[in-house]
Amino acid sequence: MDKFYLTIRKITVAPIIAVVMLTVFFILIPEIFQSAFMYVLSLFCLGVLPLLAYPIQKHIPSYKNKGRDGQRTLTLPNLPLDGIK
């Protein structure tokens, strides 16, 4: 049962939900996006970049030992403000 909960937890990470919703919008309401490039750019900015906080955290000394809180604060908008030390 723990594997089930872990799978649900991974699937419902906000960037994954964003990718799913963007894809649904792209299929059902394609006029939202000016082009396929805008769709891919949206996927990158809302899906890929936030997910990079997880593997990148262990390589930035100021976030290395902060655990889950470090991952939450290691977002694209906060990165220039916090600085990489």
N, C-alpha and C. Protein backbone atom coordinates (compact mmCIF):
# COMPACT_ATOMS: atom_id res chain seq x y z
N MET A 1 0.82 -1.20 0.00
CA MET A 1 0.00 0.00 0.00
C MET A 1 0.86 1.27 0.00
N ASP A 2 2.05 1.16 0.62
CA ASP A 2 2.94 2.32 0.64
C ASP A 2 3.40 2.71 -0.76
N LYS A 3 3.61 1.72 -1.62
CA LYS A 3 4.00 2.00 -3.01
C LYS A 3 2.90 2.78 -3.73
N PHE A 4 1.67 2.42 -3.45
CA PHE A 4 0.52 3.11 -4.06
C PHE A 4 0.52 4.57 -3.65
N TYR A 5 0.69 4.83 -2.35
CA TYR A 5 0.70 6.21 -1.86
C TYR A 5 1.87 7.01 -2.43
N LEU A 6 3.01 6.37 -2.53
CA LEU A 6 4.19 7.03 -3.09
C LEU A 6 3.98 7.37 -4.56
N THR A 7 3.35 6.47 -5.30
CA THR A 7 3.04 6.72 -6.71
C THR A 7 2.08 7.89 -6.85
N ILE A 8 1.03 7.92 -6.05
CA ILE A 8 0.07 9.03 -6.07
C ILE A 8 0.77 10.34 -5.73
N ARG A 9 1.66 10.30 -4.75
CA ARG A 9 2.39 11.50 -4.34
C ARG A 9 3.26 12.04 -5.47
N LYS A 10 3.91 11.14 -6.21
CA LYS A 10 4.77 11.57 -7.32
C LYS A 10 3.96 12.11 -8.49
N ILE A 11 2.84 11.48 -8.76
CA ILE A 11 2.01 11.90 -9.90
C ILE A 11 1.37 13.27 -9.65
N THR A 12 1.07 13.56 -8.41
CA THR A 12 0.35 14.80 -8.11
C THR A 12 1.27 15.96 -7.74
N VAL A 13 2.54 15.85 -8.07
CA VAL A 13 3.45 16.99 -7.89
C VAL A 13 2.97 18.10 -8.84
N ALA A 14 2.95 19.33 -8.36
CA ALA A 14 2.38 20.45 -9.11
C ALA A 14 2.88 20.56 -10.56
N PRO A 15 4.18 20.42 -10.83
CA PRO A 15 4.61 20.52 -12.23
C PRO A 15 4.02 19.43 -13.13
N ILE A 16 3.81 18.24 -12.59
CA ILE A 16 3.21 17.17 -13.38
C ILE A 16 1.76 17.52 -13.71
N ILE A 17 1.05 18.03 -12.74
CA ILE A 17 -0.33 18.46 -12.96
C ILE A 17 -0.36 19.58 -14.00
N ALA A 18 0.59 20.51 -13.94
CA ALA A 18 0.66 21.60 -14.91
C ALA A 18 0.88 21.06 -16.32
N VAL A 19 1.75 20.08 -16.47
CA VAL A 19 2.01 19.49 -17.79
C VAL A 19 0.75 18.81 -18.31
N VAL A 20 0.06 18.08 -17.45
CA VAL A 20 -1.18 17.40 -17.87
C VAL A 20 -2.22 18.42 -18.30
N MET A 21 -2.39 19.48 -17.51
CA MET A 21 -3.40 20.48 -17.84
C MET A 21 -3.04 21.25 -19.12
N LEU A 22 -1.79 21.59 -19.30
CA LEU A 22 -1.37 22.27 -20.53
C LEU A 22 -1.63 21.38 -21.74
N THR A 23 -1.38 20.09 -21.60
CA THR A 23 -1.61 19.17 -22.70
C THR A 23 -3.10 19.05 -23.01
N VAL A 24 -3.91 19.00 -21.97
CA VAL A 24 -5.37 18.97 -22.18
C VAL A 24 -5.82 20.23 -22.89
N PHE A 25 -5.33 21.38 -22.43
CA PHE A 25 -5.69 22.64 -23.09
C PHE A 25 -5.23 22.66 -24.55
N PHE A 26 -4.02 22.16 -24.79
CA PHE A 26 -3.48 22.16 -26.15
C PHE A 26 -4.33 21.28 -27.08
N ILE A 27 -4.84 20.19 -26.55
CA ILE A 27 -5.66 19.28 -27.36
C ILE A 27 -7.08 19.82 -27.54
N LEU A 28 -7.68 20.30 -26.46
CA LEU A 28 -9.09 20.71 -26.50
C LEU A 28 -9.30 22.15 -26.96
N ILE A 29 -8.38 23.04 -26.58
CA ILE A 29 -8.52 24.47 -26.91
C ILE A 29 -7.19 24.97 -27.45
N PRO A 30 -6.81 24.53 -28.65
CA PRO A 30 -5.47 24.87 -29.16
C PRO A 30 -5.27 26.36 -29.43
N GLU A 31 -6.34 27.12 -29.58
CA GLU A 31 -6.18 28.56 -29.85
C GLU A 31 -5.64 29.33 -28.65
N ILE A 32 -5.56 28.70 -27.50
CA ILE A 32 -4.95 29.34 -26.32
C ILE A 32 -3.48 29.64 -26.60
N PHE A 33 -2.84 28.74 -27.30
CA PHE A 33 -1.41 28.89 -27.61
C PHE A 33 -1.26 29.47 -29.01
N GLN A 34 -0.36 30.43 -29.16
CA GLN A 34 -0.13 31.04 -30.46
C GLN A 34 0.49 30.08 -31.45
N SER A 35 1.28 29.13 -30.94
CA SER A 35 1.94 28.15 -31.79
C SER A 35 2.35 26.95 -30.94
N ALA A 36 2.82 25.92 -31.61
CA ALA A 36 3.31 24.75 -30.89
C ALA A 36 4.53 25.11 -30.05
N PHE A 37 5.31 26.07 -30.53
CA PHE A 37 6.47 26.52 -29.76
C PHE A 37 6.05 27.10 -28.41
N MET A 38 4.96 27.86 -28.39
CA MET A 38 4.47 28.44 -27.14
C MET A 38 4.01 27.34 -26.18
N TYR A 39 3.43 26.30 -26.73
CA TYR A 39 3.02 25.15 -25.91
C TYR A 39 4.26 24.49 -25.29
N VAL A 40 5.28 24.25 -26.10
CA VAL A 40 6.50 23.62 -25.60
C VAL A 40 7.20 24.53 -24.59
N LEU A 41 7.22 25.81 -24.84
CA LEU A 41 7.81 26.76 -23.91
C LEU A 41 7.06 26.75 -22.58
N SER A 42 5.73 26.68 -22.64
CA SER A 42 4.92 26.60 -21.42
C SER A 42 5.23 25.32 -20.66
N LEU A 43 5.35 24.22 -21.37
CA LEU A 43 5.70 22.94 -20.72
C LEU A 43 7.05 23.04 -20.02
N PHE A 44 8.00 23.68 -20.69
CA PHE A 44 9.33 23.82 -20.11
C PHE A 44 9.31 24.68 -18.85
N CYS A 45 8.65 25.84 -18.95
CA CYS A 45 8.65 26.78 -17.82
C CYS A 45 7.82 26.31 -16.63
N LEU A 46 6.70 25.66 -16.90
CA LEU A 46 5.82 25.24 -15.81
C LEU A 46 6.01 23.79 -15.39
N GLY A 47 6.66 23.00 -16.23
CA GLY A 47 6.83 21.60 -15.91
C GLY A 47 8.26 21.19 -15.63
N VAL A 48 9.16 21.53 -16.53
CA VAL A 48 10.54 21.06 -16.41
C VAL A 48 11.33 21.88 -15.38
N LEU A 49 11.29 23.19 -15.50
CA LEU A 49 12.09 24.02 -14.59
C LEU A 49 11.78 23.78 -13.11
N PRO A 50 10.51 23.74 -12.71
CA PRO A 50 10.25 23.46 -11.28
C PRO A 50 10.72 22.08 -10.84
N LEU A 51 10.65 21.10 -11.73
CA LEU A 51 11.11 19.75 -11.37
C LEU A 51 12.62 19.69 -11.19
N LEU A 52 13.34 20.61 -11.80
CA LEU A 52 14.79 20.62 -11.67
C LEU A 52 15.26 20.97 -10.26
N ALA A 53 14.37 21.53 -9.44
CA ALA A 53 14.74 21.88 -8.07
C ALA A 53 15.15 20.64 -7.27
N TYR A 54 14.55 19.50 -7.58
CA TYR A 54 14.84 18.28 -6.82
C TYR A 54 16.28 17.79 -7.04
N PRO A 55 16.73 17.56 -8.28
CA PRO A 55 18.11 17.09 -8.44
C PRO A 55 19.17 18.17 -8.25
N ILE A 56 18.83 19.43 -8.51
CA ILE A 56 19.81 20.51 -8.41
C ILE A 56 20.11 20.87 -6.97
N GLN A 57 19.16 20.63 -6.07
CA GLN A 57 19.31 21.03 -4.68
C GLN A 57 20.59 20.50 -4.05
N LYS A 58 20.94 19.26 -4.33
CA LYS A 58 22.13 18.67 -3.68
C LYS A 58 23.44 19.22 -4.21
N HIS A 59 23.40 20.02 -5.27
CA HIS A 59 24.62 20.59 -5.84
C HIS A 59 24.82 22.06 -5.46
N ILE A 60 23.86 22.66 -4.78
CA ILE A 60 23.98 24.06 -4.34
C ILE A 60 24.20 24.05 -2.83
N PRO A 61 25.38 24.45 -2.39
CA PRO A 61 25.73 24.33 -0.97
C PRO A 61 24.73 24.97 0.00
N SER A 62 24.18 26.12 -0.33
CA SER A 62 23.28 26.79 0.60
C SER A 62 21.93 26.07 0.73
N TYR A 63 21.61 25.17 -0.18
CA TYR A 63 20.36 24.43 -0.13
C TYR A 63 20.56 22.94 0.19
N LYS A 64 21.80 22.52 0.25
CA LYS A 64 22.14 21.10 0.33
C LYS A 64 21.49 20.38 1.52
N ASN A 65 21.52 20.96 2.67
CA ASN A 65 21.03 20.31 3.88
C ASN A 65 19.66 20.82 4.35
N LYS A 66 18.93 21.48 3.49
CA LYS A 66 17.64 22.05 3.89
C LYS A 66 16.46 21.12 3.63
N GLY A 67 16.70 19.99 2.99
CA GLY A 67 15.64 19.01 2.78
C GLY A 67 14.50 19.54 1.92
N ARG A 68 13.29 19.18 2.32
CA ARG A 68 12.09 19.55 1.55
C ARG A 68 11.90 21.07 1.50
N ASP A 69 12.20 21.77 2.59
CA ASP A 69 12.08 23.23 2.59
C ASP A 69 13.01 23.87 1.57
N GLY A 70 14.19 23.30 1.42
CA GLY A 70 15.14 23.80 0.43
C GLY A 70 14.62 23.61 -0.98
N GLN A 71 13.96 22.48 -1.22
CA GLN A 71 13.38 22.24 -2.54
C GLN A 71 12.26 23.22 -2.82
N ARG A 72 11.47 23.51 -1.83
CA ARG A 72 10.34 24.43 -2.03
C ARG A 72 10.82 25.85 -2.33
N THR A 73 11.88 26.25 -1.66
CA THR A 73 12.35 27.62 -1.88
C THR A 73 13.25 27.74 -3.11
N LEU A 74 13.72 26.61 -3.60
CA LEU A 74 14.59 26.62 -4.78
C LEU A 74 13.74 26.63 -6.05
N THR A 75 13.12 27.75 -6.29
CA THR A 75 12.31 27.91 -7.49
C THR A 75 12.92 28.98 -8.36
N LEU A 76 12.52 29.02 -9.61
CA LEU A 76 13.10 29.99 -10.54
C LEU A 76 12.94 31.43 -10.07
N PRO A 77 11.75 31.86 -9.61
CA PRO A 77 11.64 33.26 -9.18
C PRO A 77 12.48 33.58 -7.95
N ASN A 78 12.66 32.61 -7.06
CA ASN A 78 13.41 32.88 -5.83
C ASN A 78 14.92 32.77 -6.01
N LEU A 79 15.37 32.04 -7.01
CA LEU A 79 16.79 31.78 -7.17
C LEU A 79 17.64 33.06 -7.27
N PRO A 80 17.27 34.03 -8.12
CA PRO A 80 18.10 35.24 -8.18
C PRO A 80 18.09 36.03 -6.86
N LEU A 81 17.01 35.94 -6.10
CA LEU A 81 16.92 36.68 -4.86
C LEU A 81 17.74 36.02 -3.74
N ASP A 82 17.72 34.69 -3.71
CA ASP A 82 18.46 33.97 -2.66
C ASP A 82 19.94 33.93 -2.95
N GLY A 83 20.30 33.84 -4.19
CA GLY A 83 21.70 33.77 -4.56
C GLY A 83 22.26 32.37 -4.40
N ILE A 84 23.26 32.07 -5.17
CA ILE A 84 23.93 30.78 -5.07
C ILE A 84 25.25 31.03 -4.38
N LYS A 85 25.41 30.46 -3.21
CA LYS A 85 26.63 30.70 -2.41
C LYS A 85 27.55 29.53 -2.50
